[in-house]
Amino acid sequence: MRMSFEEYEKQNPGNPENIARHKERILAELRAYRLKELREQAGLTQAQVATRIGVSQRQVSKIEAGEIANSKIATIRAYLEAIGGKMAVEFVSGDYRMLIA
């Protein structure tokens, strides 16, 4: 007898830590992909953005791949401005949010 996905899921719940880790990875990939889309909509290549903001094309590629942990905030800000946007920095603690910059 076949089992529905819902029945299987009830019998085999996932590990919440693994689920959270994979969810964050997927969301990071989506954000990175969206940056690439926005750059392309602005009609710019990675090399053009790199020249505008004074970094290597490889650094732009890393930003668009979601590898921003080692990037300077100023570089991320310059990237966003080069593709026609702005950056907002927000402090979040529980339900409290405060716009920093």
PDB file of N, CA and C in Angstrom:
ATOM      1  N   MET A   1       0.842  -1.188   0.000  1.00  0.00           N
ATOM      2  CA  MET A   1       0.000   0.000   0.000  1.00  0.00           C
ATOM      3  C   MET A   1       0.883   1.246   0.000  1.00  0.00           C
ATOM      4  N   ARG A   2       0.515   2.178  -0.823  1.00  0.00           N
ATOM      5  CA  ARG A   2       1.286   3.432  -0.907  1.00  0.00           C
ATOM      6  C   ARG A   2       1.029   4.315   0.299  1.00  0.00           C
ATOM      7  N   MET A   3       2.051   5.109   0.595  1.00  0.00           N
ATOM      8  CA  MET A   3       1.946   6.035   1.714  1.00  0.00           C
ATOM      9  C   MET A   3       2.018   7.456   1.156  1.00  0.00           C
ATOM     10  N   SER A   4       1.162   8.334   1.644  1.00  0.00           N
ATOM     11  CA  SER A   4       1.209   9.733   1.212  1.00  0.00           C
ATOM     12  C   SER A   4       2.416  10.410   1.840  1.00  0.00           C
ATOM     13  N   PHE A   5       2.792  11.546   1.265  1.00  0.00           N
ATOM     14  CA  PHE A   5       3.911  12.299   1.816  1.00  0.00           C
ATOM     15  C   PHE A   5       3.616  12.714   3.251  1.00  0.00           C
ATOM     16  N   GLU A   6       2.392  13.134   3.501  1.00  0.00           N
ATOM     17  CA  GLU A   6       2.010  13.568   4.845  1.00  0.00           C
ATOM     18  C   GLU A   6       2.150  12.431   5.851  1.00  0.00           C
ATOM     19  N   GLU A   7       1.750  11.222   5.461  1.00  0.00           N
ATOM     20  CA  GLU A   7       1.881  10.058   6.348  1.00  0.00           C
ATOM     21  C   GLU A   7       3.360   9.748   6.602  1.00  0.00           C
ATOM     22  N   TYR A   8       4.141   9.790   5.528  1.00  0.00           N
ATOM     23  CA  TYR A   8       5.581   9.537   5.663  1.00  0.00           C
ATOM     24  C   TYR A   8       6.225  10.558   6.592  1.00  0.00           C
ATOM     25  N   GLU A   9       5.864  11.818   6.400  1.00  0.00           N
ATOM     26  CA  GLU A   9       6.441  12.891   7.207  1.00  0.00           C
ATOM     27  C   GLU A   9       6.096  12.711   8.686  1.00  0.00           C
ATOM     28  N   LYS A  10       4.878  12.282   8.978  1.00  0.00           N
ATOM     29  CA  LYS A  10       4.482  12.049  10.373  1.00  0.00           C
ATOM     30  C   LYS A  10       5.300  10.917  11.001  1.00  0.00           C
ATOM     31  N   GLN A  11       5.580   9.892  10.206  1.00  0.00           N
ATOM     32  CA  GLN A  11       6.332   8.749  10.712  1.00  0.00           C
ATOM     33  C   GLN A  11       7.836   9.015  10.763  1.00  0.00           C
ATOM     34  N   ASN A  12       8.317   9.957   9.955  1.00  0.00           N
ATOM     35  CA  ASN A  12       9.750  10.244   9.842  1.00  0.00           C
ATOM     36  C   ASN A  12      10.005  11.752   9.916  1.00  0.00           C
ATOM     37  N   PRO A  13       9.780  12.340  11.082  1.00  0.00           N
ATOM     38  CA  PRO A  13       9.998  13.793  11.167  1.00  0.00           C
ATOM     39  C   PRO A  13      11.468  14.127  10.952  1.00  0.00           C
ATOM     40  N   GLY A  14      11.721  15.268  10.337  1.00  0.00           N
ATOM     41  CA  GLY A  14      13.089  15.700  10.087  1.00  0.00           C
ATOM     42  C   GLY A  14      13.740  16.258  11.330  1.00  0.00           C
ATOM     43  N   ASN A  15      15.050  16.393  11.273  1.00  0.00           N
ATOM     44  CA  ASN A  15      15.823  16.988  12.349  1.00  0.00           C
ATOM     45  C   ASN A  15      15.669  18.513  12.243  1.00  0.00           C
ATOM     46  N   PRO A  16      15.082  19.168  13.264  1.00  0.00           N
ATOM     47  CA  PRO A  16      14.850  20.620  13.182  1.00  0.00           C
ATOM     48  C   PRO A  16      16.111  21.441  12.916  1.00  0.00           C
ATOM     49  N   GLU A  17      17.254  21.018  13.466  1.00  0.00           N
ATOM     50  CA  GLU A  17      18.505  21.746  13.231  1.00  0.00           C
ATOM     51  C   GLU A  17      18.928  21.642  11.770  1.00  0.00           C
ATOM     52  N   ASN A  18      18.811  20.450  11.194  1.00  0.00           N
ATOM     53  CA  ASN A  18      19.150  20.273   9.781  1.00  0.00           C
ATOM     54  C   ASN A  18      18.208  21.068   8.889  1.00  0.00           C
ATOM     55  N   ILE A  19      16.947  21.039   9.226  1.00  0.00           N
ATOM     56  CA  ILE A  19      15.949  21.778   8.441  1.00  0.00           C
ATOM     57  C   ILE A  19      16.260  23.266   8.481  1.00  0.00           C
ATOM     58  N   ALA A  20      16.554  23.807   9.657  1.00  0.00           N
ATOM     59  CA  ALA A  20      16.862  25.239   9.790  1.00  0.00           C
ATOM     60  C   ALA A  20      18.124  25.601   9.017  1.00  0.00           C
ATOM     61  N   ARG A  21      19.149  24.750   9.082  1.00  0.00           N
ATOM     62  CA  ARG A  21      20.401  25.007   8.374  1.00  0.00           C
ATOM     63  C   ARG A  21      20.178  25.014   6.860  1.00  0.00           C
ATOM     64  N   HIS A  22      19.447  24.040   6.364  1.00  0.00           N
ATOM     65  CA  HIS A  22      19.180  23.978   4.930  1.00  0.00           C
ATOM     66  C   HIS A  22      18.280  25.123   4.471  1.00  0.00           C
ATOM     67  N   LYS A  23      17.338  25.497   5.318  1.00  0.00           N
ATOM     68  CA  LYS A  23      16.455  26.623   4.979  1.00  0.00           C
ATOM     69  C   LYS A  23      17.268  27.908   4.837  1.00  0.00           C
ATOM     70  N   GLU A  24      18.186  28.150   5.759  1.00  0.00           N
ATOM     71  CA  GLU A  24      19.018  29.353   5.695  1.00  0.00           C
ATOM     72  C   GLU A  24      19.907  29.334   4.459  1.00  0.00           C
ATOM     73  N   ARG A  25      20.455  28.170   4.120  1.00  0.00           N
ATOM     74  CA  ARG A  25      21.295  28.048   2.921  1.00  0.00           C
ATOM     75  C   ARG A  25      20.489  28.357   1.660  1.00  0.00           C
ATOM     76  N   ILE A  26      19.281  27.834   1.595  1.00  0.00           N
ATOM     77  CA  ILE A  26      18.430  28.077   0.421  1.00  0.00           C
ATOM     78  C   ILE A  26      18.062  29.550   0.323  1.00  0.00           C
ATOM     79  N   LEU A  27      17.726  30.175   1.444  1.00  0.00           N
ATOM     80  CA  LEU A  27      17.385  31.602   1.435  1.00  0.00           C
ATOM     81  C   LEU A  27      18.577  32.446   1.019  1.00  0.00           C
ATOM     82  N   ALA A  28      19.779  32.090   1.459  1.00  0.00           N
ATOM     83  CA  ALA A  28      20.990  32.818   1.054  1.00  0.00           C
ATOM     84  C   ALA A  28      21.205  32.687  -0.455  1.00  0.00           C
ATOM     85  N   GLU A  29      20.977  31.501  -0.989  1.00  0.00           N
ATOM     86  CA  GLU A  29      21.125  31.303  -2.431  1.00  0.00           C
ATOM     87  C   GLU A  29      20.099  32.124  -3.208  1.00  0.00           C
ATOM     88  N   LEU A  30      18.885  32.202  -2.691  1.00  0.00           N
ATOM     89  CA  LEU A  30      17.846  33.004  -3.351  1.00  0.00           C
ATOM     90  C   LEU A  30      18.198  34.486  -3.337  1.00  0.00           C
ATOM     91  N   ARG A  31      18.698  34.972  -2.197  1.00  0.00           N
ATOM     92  CA  ARG A  31      19.095  36.387  -2.116  1.00  0.00           C
ATOM     93  C   ARG A  31      20.225  36.677  -3.089  1.00  0.00           C
ATOM     94  N   ALA A  32      21.200  35.781  -3.145  1.00  0.00           N
ATOM     95  CA  ALA A  32      22.335  35.972  -4.048  1.00  0.00           C
ATOM     96  C   ALA A  32      21.866  35.968  -5.500  1.00  0.00           C
ATOM     97  N   TYR A  33      20.993  35.048  -5.853  1.00  0.00           N
ATOM     98  CA  TYR A  33      20.478  34.978  -7.223  1.00  0.00           C
ATOM     99  C   TYR A  33      19.723  36.261  -7.574  1.00  0.00           C
ATOM    100  N   ARG A  34      18.995  36.789  -6.609  1.00  0.00           N
ATOM    101  CA  ARG A  34      18.233  38.025  -6.850  1.00  0.00           C
ATOM    102  C   ARG A  34      19.176  39.197  -7.109  1.00  0.00           C
ATOM    103  N   LEU A  35      20.310  39.247  -6.423  1.00  0.00           N
ATOM    104  CA  LEU A  35      21.299  40.303  -6.684  1.00  0.00           C
ATOM    105  C   LEU A  35      21.783  40.230  -8.124  1.00  0.00           C
ATOM    106  N   LYS A  36      22.073  39.028  -8.584  1.00  0.00           N
ATOM    107  CA  LYS A  36      22.511  38.851  -9.968  1.00  0.00           C
ATOM    108  C   LYS A  36      21.430  39.337 -10.926  1.00  0.00           C
ATOM    109  N   GLU A  37      20.177  38.981 -10.654  1.00  0.00           N
ATOM    110  CA  GLU A  37      19.074  39.425 -11.514  1.00  0.00           C
ATOM    111  C   GLU A  37      18.981  40.946 -11.554  1.00  0.00           C
ATOM    112  N   LEU A  38      19.129  41.586 -10.407  1.00  0.00           N
ATOM    113  CA  LEU A  38      19.046  43.044 -10.349  1.00  0.00           C
ATOM    114  C   LEU A  38      20.180  43.697 -11.130  1.00  0.00           C
ATOM    115  N   ARG A  39      21.385  43.120 -11.027  1.00  0.00           N
ATOM    116  CA  ARG A  39      22.525  43.643 -11.796  1.00  0.00           C
ATOM    117  C   ARG A  39      22.247  43.518 -13.290  1.00  0.00           C
ATOM    118  N   GLU A  40      21.754  42.368 -13.689  1.00  0.00           N
ATOM    119  CA  GLU A  40      21.464  42.152 -15.107  1.00  0.00           C
ATOM    120  C   GLU A  40      20.361  43.093 -15.587  1.00  0.00           C
ATOM    121  N   GLN A  41      19.350  43.336 -14.756  1.00  0.00           N
ATOM    122  CA  GLN A  41      18.284  44.278 -15.117  1.00  0.00           C
ATOM    123  C   GLN A  41      18.829  45.685 -15.280  1.00  0.00           C
ATOM    124  N   ALA A  42      19.882  46.000 -14.542  1.00  0.00           N
ATOM    125  CA  ALA A  42      20.522  47.318 -14.658  1.00  0.00           C
ATOM    126  C   ALA A  42      21.398  47.381 -15.906  1.00  0.00           C
ATOM    127  N   GLY A  43      21.540  46.258 -16.617  1.00  0.00           N
ATOM    128  CA  GLY A  43      22.323  46.232 -17.845  1.00  0.00           C
ATOM    129  C   GLY A  43      23.821  46.239 -17.616  1.00  0.00           C
ATOM    130  N   LEU A  44      24.247  45.699 -16.482  1.00  0.00           N
ATOM    131  CA  LEU A  44      25.667  45.724 -16.129  1.00  0.00           C
ATOM    132  C   LEU A  44      26.249  44.319 -16.056  1.00  0.00           C
ATOM    133  N   THR A  45      27.509  44.208 -16.434  1.00  0.00           N
ATOM    134  CA  THR A  45      28.237  42.957 -16.245  1.00  0.00           C
ATOM    135  C   THR A  45      28.926  43.002 -14.884  1.00  0.00           C
ATOM    136  N   GLN A  46      29.393  41.847 -14.438  1.00  0.00           N
ATOM    137  CA  GLN A  46      30.148  41.817 -13.190  1.00  0.00           C
ATOM    138  C   GLN A  46      31.397  42.683 -13.304  1.00  0.00           C
ATOM    139  N   ALA A  47      32.047  42.649 -14.454  1.00  0.00           N
ATOM    140  CA  ALA A  47      33.267  43.438 -14.650  1.00  0.00           C
ATOM    141  C   ALA A  47      32.970  44.935 -14.557  1.00  0.00           C
ATOM    142  N   GLN A  48      31.848  45.372 -15.119  1.00  0.00           N
ATOM    143  CA  GLN A  48      31.487  46.790 -15.059  1.00  0.00           C
ATOM    144  C   GLN A  48      31.212  47.223 -13.624  1.00  0.00           C
ATOM    145  N   VAL A  49      30.498  46.389 -12.873  1.00  0.00           N
ATOM    146  CA  VAL A  49      30.227  46.718 -11.465  1.00  0.00           C
ATOM    147  C   VAL A  49      31.544  46.760 -10.696  1.00  0.00           C
ATOM    148  N   ALA A  50      32.413  45.793 -10.943  1.00  0.00           N
ATOM    149  CA  ALA A  50      33.703  45.749 -10.250  1.00  0.00           C
ATOM    150  C   ALA A  50      34.502  47.018 -10.495  1.00  0.00           C
ATOM    151  N   THR A  51      34.531  47.469 -11.741  1.00  0.00           N
ATOM    152  CA  THR A  51      35.256  48.695 -12.078  1.00  0.00           C
ATOM    153  C   THR A  51      34.650  49.891 -11.356  1.00  0.00           C
ATOM    154  N   ARG A  52      33.330  49.967 -11.334  1.00  0.00           N
ATOM    155  CA  ARG A  52      32.647  51.093 -10.677  1.00  0.00           C
ATOM    156  C   ARG A  52      32.952  51.171  -9.187  1.00  0.00           C
ATOM    157  N   ILE A  53      33.069  50.020  -8.537  1.00  0.00           N
ATOM    158  CA  ILE A  53      33.222  50.041  -7.084  1.00  0.00           C
ATOM    159  C   ILE A  53      34.658  49.768  -6.627  1.00  0.00           C
ATOM    160  N   GLY A  54      35.555  49.547  -7.580  1.00  0.00           N
ATOM    161  CA  GLY A  54      36.969  49.400  -7.249  1.00  0.00           C
ATOM    162  C   GLY A  54      37.365  48.070  -6.627  1.00  0.00           C
ATOM    163  N   VAL A  55      36.703  46.996  -7.052  1.00  0.00           N
ATOM    164  CA  VAL A  55      37.083  45.661  -6.586  1.00  0.00           C
ATOM    165  C   VAL A  55      37.284  44.770  -7.806  1.00  0.00           C
ATOM    166  N   SER A  56      37.709  43.550  -7.570  1.00  0.00           N
ATOM    167  CA  SER A  56      37.892  42.613  -8.679  1.00  0.00           C
ATOM    168  C   SER A  56      36.539  42.040  -9.106  1.00  0.00           C
ATOM    169  N   GLN A  57      36.507  41.553 -10.333  1.00  0.00           N
ATOM    170  CA  GLN A  57      35.298  40.878 -10.819  1.00  0.00           C
ATOM    171  C   GLN A  57      35.012  39.655  -9.957  1.00  0.00           C
ATOM    172  N   ARG A  58      36.066  39.017  -9.468  1.00  0.00           N
ATOM    173  CA  ARG A  58      35.886  37.848  -8.602  1.00  0.00           C
ATOM    174  C   ARG A  58      35.136  38.218  -7.322  1.00  0.00           C
ATOM    175  N   GLN A  59      35.410  39.399  -6.773  1.00  0.00           N
ATOM    176  CA  GLN A  59      34.699  39.837  -5.563  1.00  0.00           C
ATOM    177  C   GLN A  59      33.211  40.029  -5.852  1.00  0.00           C
ATOM    178  N   VAL A  60      32.892  40.590  -6.997  1.00  0.00           N
ATOM    179  CA  VAL A  60      31.491  40.752  -7.394  1.00  0.00           C
ATOM    180  C   VAL A  60      30.842  39.377  -7.541  1.00  0.00           C
ATOM    181  N   SER A  61      31.554  38.451  -8.143  1.00  0.00           N
ATOM    182  CA  SER A  61      31.048  37.084  -8.297  1.00  0.00           C
ATOM    183  C   SER A  61      30.774  36.449  -6.941  1.00  0.00           C
ATOM    184  N   LYS A  62      31.660  36.667  -5.989  1.00  0.00           N
ATOM    185  CA  LYS A  62      31.468  36.121  -4.644  1.00  0.00           C
ATOM    186  C   LYS A  62      30.227  36.710  -3.979  1.00  0.00           C
ATOM    187  N   ILE A  63      30.015  38.000  -4.146  1.00  0.00           N
ATOM    188  CA  ILE A  63      28.824  38.638  -3.585  1.00  0.00           C
ATOM    189  C   ILE A  63      27.575  37.989  -4.168  1.00  0.00           C
ATOM    190  N   GLU A  64      27.585  37.781  -5.481  1.00  0.00           N
ATOM    191  CA  GLU A  64      26.421  37.205  -6.147  1.00  0.00           C
ATOM    192  C   GLU A  64      26.268  35.716  -5.863  1.00  0.00           C
ATOM    193  N   ALA A  65      27.296  35.093  -5.313  1.00  0.00           N
ATOM    194  CA  ALA A  65      27.208  33.687  -4.921  1.00  0.00           C
ATOM    195  C   ALA A  65      26.808  33.564  -3.444  1.00  0.00           C
ATOM    196  N   GLY A  66      26.591  34.716  -2.797  1.00  0.00           N
ATOM    197  CA  GLY A  66      26.184  34.704  -1.398  1.00  0.00           C
ATOM    198  C   GLY A  66      27.338  34.619  -0.420  1.00  0.00           C
ATOM    199  N   GLU A  67      28.555  34.736  -0.905  1.00  0.00           N
ATOM    200  CA  GLU A  67      29.738  34.654  -0.046  1.00  0.00           C
ATOM    201  C   GLU A  67      30.091  36.058   0.453  1.00  0.00           C
ATOM    202  N   ILE A  68      29.294  36.560   1.373  1.00  0.00           N
ATOM    203  CA  ILE A  68      29.497  37.935   1.824  1.00  0.00           C
ATOM    204  C   ILE A  68      30.044  38.035   3.240  1.00  0.00           C
ATOM    205  N   ALA A  69      30.251  36.907   3.906  1.00  0.00           N
ATOM    206  CA  ALA A  69      30.712  36.935   5.300  1.00  0.00           C
ATOM    207  C   ALA A  69      32.040  37.674   5.454  1.00  0.00           C
ATOM    208  N   ASN A  70      32.911  37.585   4.464  1.00  0.00           N
ATOM    209  CA  ASN A  70      34.217  38.243   4.555  1.00  0.00           C
ATOM    210  C   ASN A  70      34.273  39.550   3.775  1.00  0.00           C
ATOM    211  N   SER A  71      33.132  39.991   3.255  1.00  0.00           N
ATOM    212  CA  SER A  71      33.096  41.249   2.500  1.00  0.00           C
ATOM    213  C   SER A  71      32.923  42.425   3.451  1.00  0.00           C
ATOM    214  N   LYS A  72      33.511  43.538   3.085  1.00  0.00           N
ATOM    215  CA  LYS A  72      33.328  44.756   3.869  1.00  0.00           C
ATOM    216  C   LYS A  72      31.935  45.313   3.597  1.00  0.00           C
ATOM    217  N   ILE A  73      31.355  45.916   4.610  1.00  0.00           N
ATOM    218  CA  ILE A  73      30.034  46.530   4.451  1.00  0.00           C
ATOM    219  C   ILE A  73      30.088  47.603   3.369  1.00  0.00           C
ATOM    220  N   ALA A  74      31.171  48.337   3.305  1.00  0.00           N
ATOM    221  CA  ALA A  74      31.309  49.388   2.288  1.00  0.00           C
ATOM    222  C   ALA A  74      31.287  48.795   0.877  1.00  0.00           C
ATOM    223  N   THR A  75      31.849  47.608   0.709  1.00  0.00           N
ATOM    224  CA  THR A  75      31.843  46.956  -0.601  1.00  0.00           C
ATOM    225  C   THR A  75      30.428  46.529  -0.974  1.00  0.00           C
ATOM    226  N   ILE A  76      29.720  45.952  -0.027  1.00  0.00           N
ATOM    227  CA  ILE A  76      28.328  45.540  -0.283  1.00  0.00           C
ATOM    228  C   ILE A  76      27.486  46.766  -0.612  1.00  0.00           C
ATOM    229  N   ARG A  77      27.663  47.833   0.164  1.00  0.00           N
ATOM    230  CA  ARG A  77      26.917  49.072  -0.088  1.00  0.00           C
ATOM    231  C   ARG A  77      27.216  49.608  -1.481  1.00  0.00           C
ATOM    232  N   ALA A  78      28.496  49.651  -1.854  1.00  0.00           N
ATOM    233  CA  ALA A  78      28.879  50.149  -3.180  1.00  0.00           C
ATOM    234  C   ALA A  78      28.286  49.275  -4.281  1.00  0.00           C
ATOM    235  N   TYR A  79      28.291  47.958  -4.080  1.00  0.00           N
ATOM    236  CA  TYR A  79      27.695  47.039  -5.061  1.00  0.00           C
ATOM    237  C   TYR A  79      26.217  47.383  -5.258  1.00  0.00           C
ATOM    238  N   LEU A  80      25.499  47.514  -4.153  1.00  0.00           N
ATOM    239  CA  LEU A  80      24.057  47.794  -4.240  1.00  0.00           C
ATOM    240  C   LEU A  80      23.789  49.136  -4.915  1.00  0.00           C
ATOM    241  N   GLU A  81      24.603  50.139  -4.612  1.00  0.00           N
ATOM    242  CA  GLU A  81      24.431  51.438  -5.253  1.00  0.00           C
ATOM    243  C   GLU A  81      24.762  51.374  -6.739  1.00  0.00           C
ATOM    244  N   ALA A  82      25.769  50.570  -7.103  1.00  0.00           N
ATOM    245  CA  ALA A  82      26.156  50.436  -8.507  1.00  0.00           C
ATOM    246  C   ALA A  82      25.045  49.814  -9.350  1.00  0.00           C
ATOM    247  N   ILE A  83      24.234  48.952  -8.726  1.00  0.00           N
ATOM    248  CA  ILE A  83      23.142  48.329  -9.480  1.00  0.00           C
ATOM    249  C   ILE A  83      21.822  49.073  -9.305  1.00  0.00           C
ATOM    250  N   GLY A  84      21.891  50.254  -8.677  1.00  0.00           N
ATOM    251  CA  GLY A  84      20.719  51.115  -8.608  1.00  0.00           C
ATOM    252  C   GLY A  84      19.921  51.049  -7.326  1.00  0.00           C
ATOM    253  N   GLY A  85      20.499  50.500  -6.286  1.00  0.00           N
ATOM    254  CA  GLY A  85      19.766  50.386  -5.026  1.00  0.00           C
ATOM    255  C   GLY A  85      20.472  51.069  -3.879  1.00  0.00           C
ATOM    256  N   LYS A  86      19.992  50.793  -2.688  1.00  0.00           N
ATOM    257  CA  LYS A  86      20.583  51.307  -1.455  1.00  0.00           C
ATOM    258  C   LYS A  86      20.607  50.181  -0.441  1.00  0.00           C
ATOM    259  N   MET A  87      21.425  50.339   0.559  1.00  0.00           N
ATOM    260  CA  MET A  87      21.511  49.337   1.613  1.00  0.00           C
ATOM    261  C   MET A  87      20.940  49.914   2.895  1.00  0.00           C
ATOM    262  N   ALA A  88      20.212  49.079   3.617  1.00  0.00           N
ATOM    263  CA  ALA A  88      19.715  49.445   4.931  1.00  0.00           C
ATOM    264  C   ALA A  88      20.288  48.456   5.938  1.00  0.00           C
ATOM    265  N   VAL A  89      20.769  48.971   7.067  1.00  0.00           N
ATOM    266  CA  VAL A  89      21.288  48.128   8.132  1.00  0.00           C
ATOM    267  C   VAL A  89      20.327  48.254   9.300  1.00  0.00           C
ATOM    268  N   GLU A  90      19.940  47.100   9.826  1.00  0.00           N
ATOM    269  CA  GLU A  90      18.916  47.085  10.856  1.00  0.00           C
ATOM    270  C   GLU A  90      19.387  46.273  12.057  1.00  0.00           C
ATOM    271  N   PHE A  91      19.122  46.780  13.261  1.00  0.00           N
ATOM    272  CA  PHE A  91      19.361  46.040  14.495  1.00  0.00           C
ATOM    273  C   PHE A  91      18.069  45.326  14.839  1.00  0.00           C
ATOM    274  N   VAL A  92      18.162  44.013  15.094  1.00  0.00           N
ATOM    275  CA  VAL A  92      16.976  43.225  15.425  1.00  0.00           C
ATOM    276  C   VAL A  92      17.253  42.442  16.697  1.00  0.00           C
ATOM    277  N   SER A  93      16.345  42.567  17.659  1.00  0.00           N
ATOM    278  CA  SER A  93      16.424  41.810  18.904  1.00  0.00           C
ATOM    279  C   SER A  93      15.004  41.424  19.289  1.00  0.00           C
ATOM    280  N   GLY A  94      14.679  40.164  19.108  1.00  0.00           N
ATOM    281  CA  GLY A  94      13.296  39.737  19.360  1.00  0.00           C
ATOM    282  C   GLY A  94      12.364  40.441  18.390  1.00  0.00           C
ATOM    283  N   ASP A  95      11.358  41.116  18.935  1.00  0.00           N
ATOM    284  CA  ASP A  95      10.416  41.873  18.118  1.00  0.00           C
ATOM    285  C   ASP A  95      10.873  43.306  17.878  1.00  0.00           C
ATOM    286  N   TYR A  96      11.954  43.711  18.507  1.00  0.00           N
ATOM    287  CA  TYR A  96      12.444  45.082  18.387  1.00  0.00           C
ATOM    288  C   TYR A  96      13.306  45.217  17.143  1.00  0.00           C
ATOM    289  N   ARG A  97      13.045  46.254  16.374  1.00  0.00           N
ATOM    290  CA  ARG A  97      13.836  46.558  15.170  1.00  0.00           C
ATOM    291  C   ARG A  97      14.184  48.035  15.172  1.00  0.00           C
ATOM    292  N   MET A  98      15.438  48.332  14.799  1.00  0.00           N
ATOM    293  CA  MET A  98      15.853  49.730  14.705  1.00  0.00           C
ATOM    294  C   MET A  98      16.736  49.875  13.474  1.00  0.00           C
ATOM    295  N   LEU A  99      16.382  50.821  12.602  1.00  0.00           N
ATOM    296  CA  LEU A  99      17.177  51.093  11.415  1.00  0.00           C
ATOM    297  C   LEU A  99      18.439  51.820  11.843  1.00  0.00           C
ATOM    298  N   ILE A 100      19.589  51.277  11.490  1.00  0.00           N
ATOM    299  CA  ILE A 100      20.878  51.856  11.868  1.00  0.00           C
ATOM    300  C   ILE A 100      21.369  52.801  10.783  1.00  0.00           C
ATOM    301  N   ALA A 101      21.362  52.314   9.544  1.00  0.00           N
ATOM    302  CA  ALA A 101      21.853  53.126   8.424  1.00  0.00           C
ATOM    303  C   ALA A 101      21.133  52.746   7.158  1.00  0.00           C
TER     304      ALA A 101
END
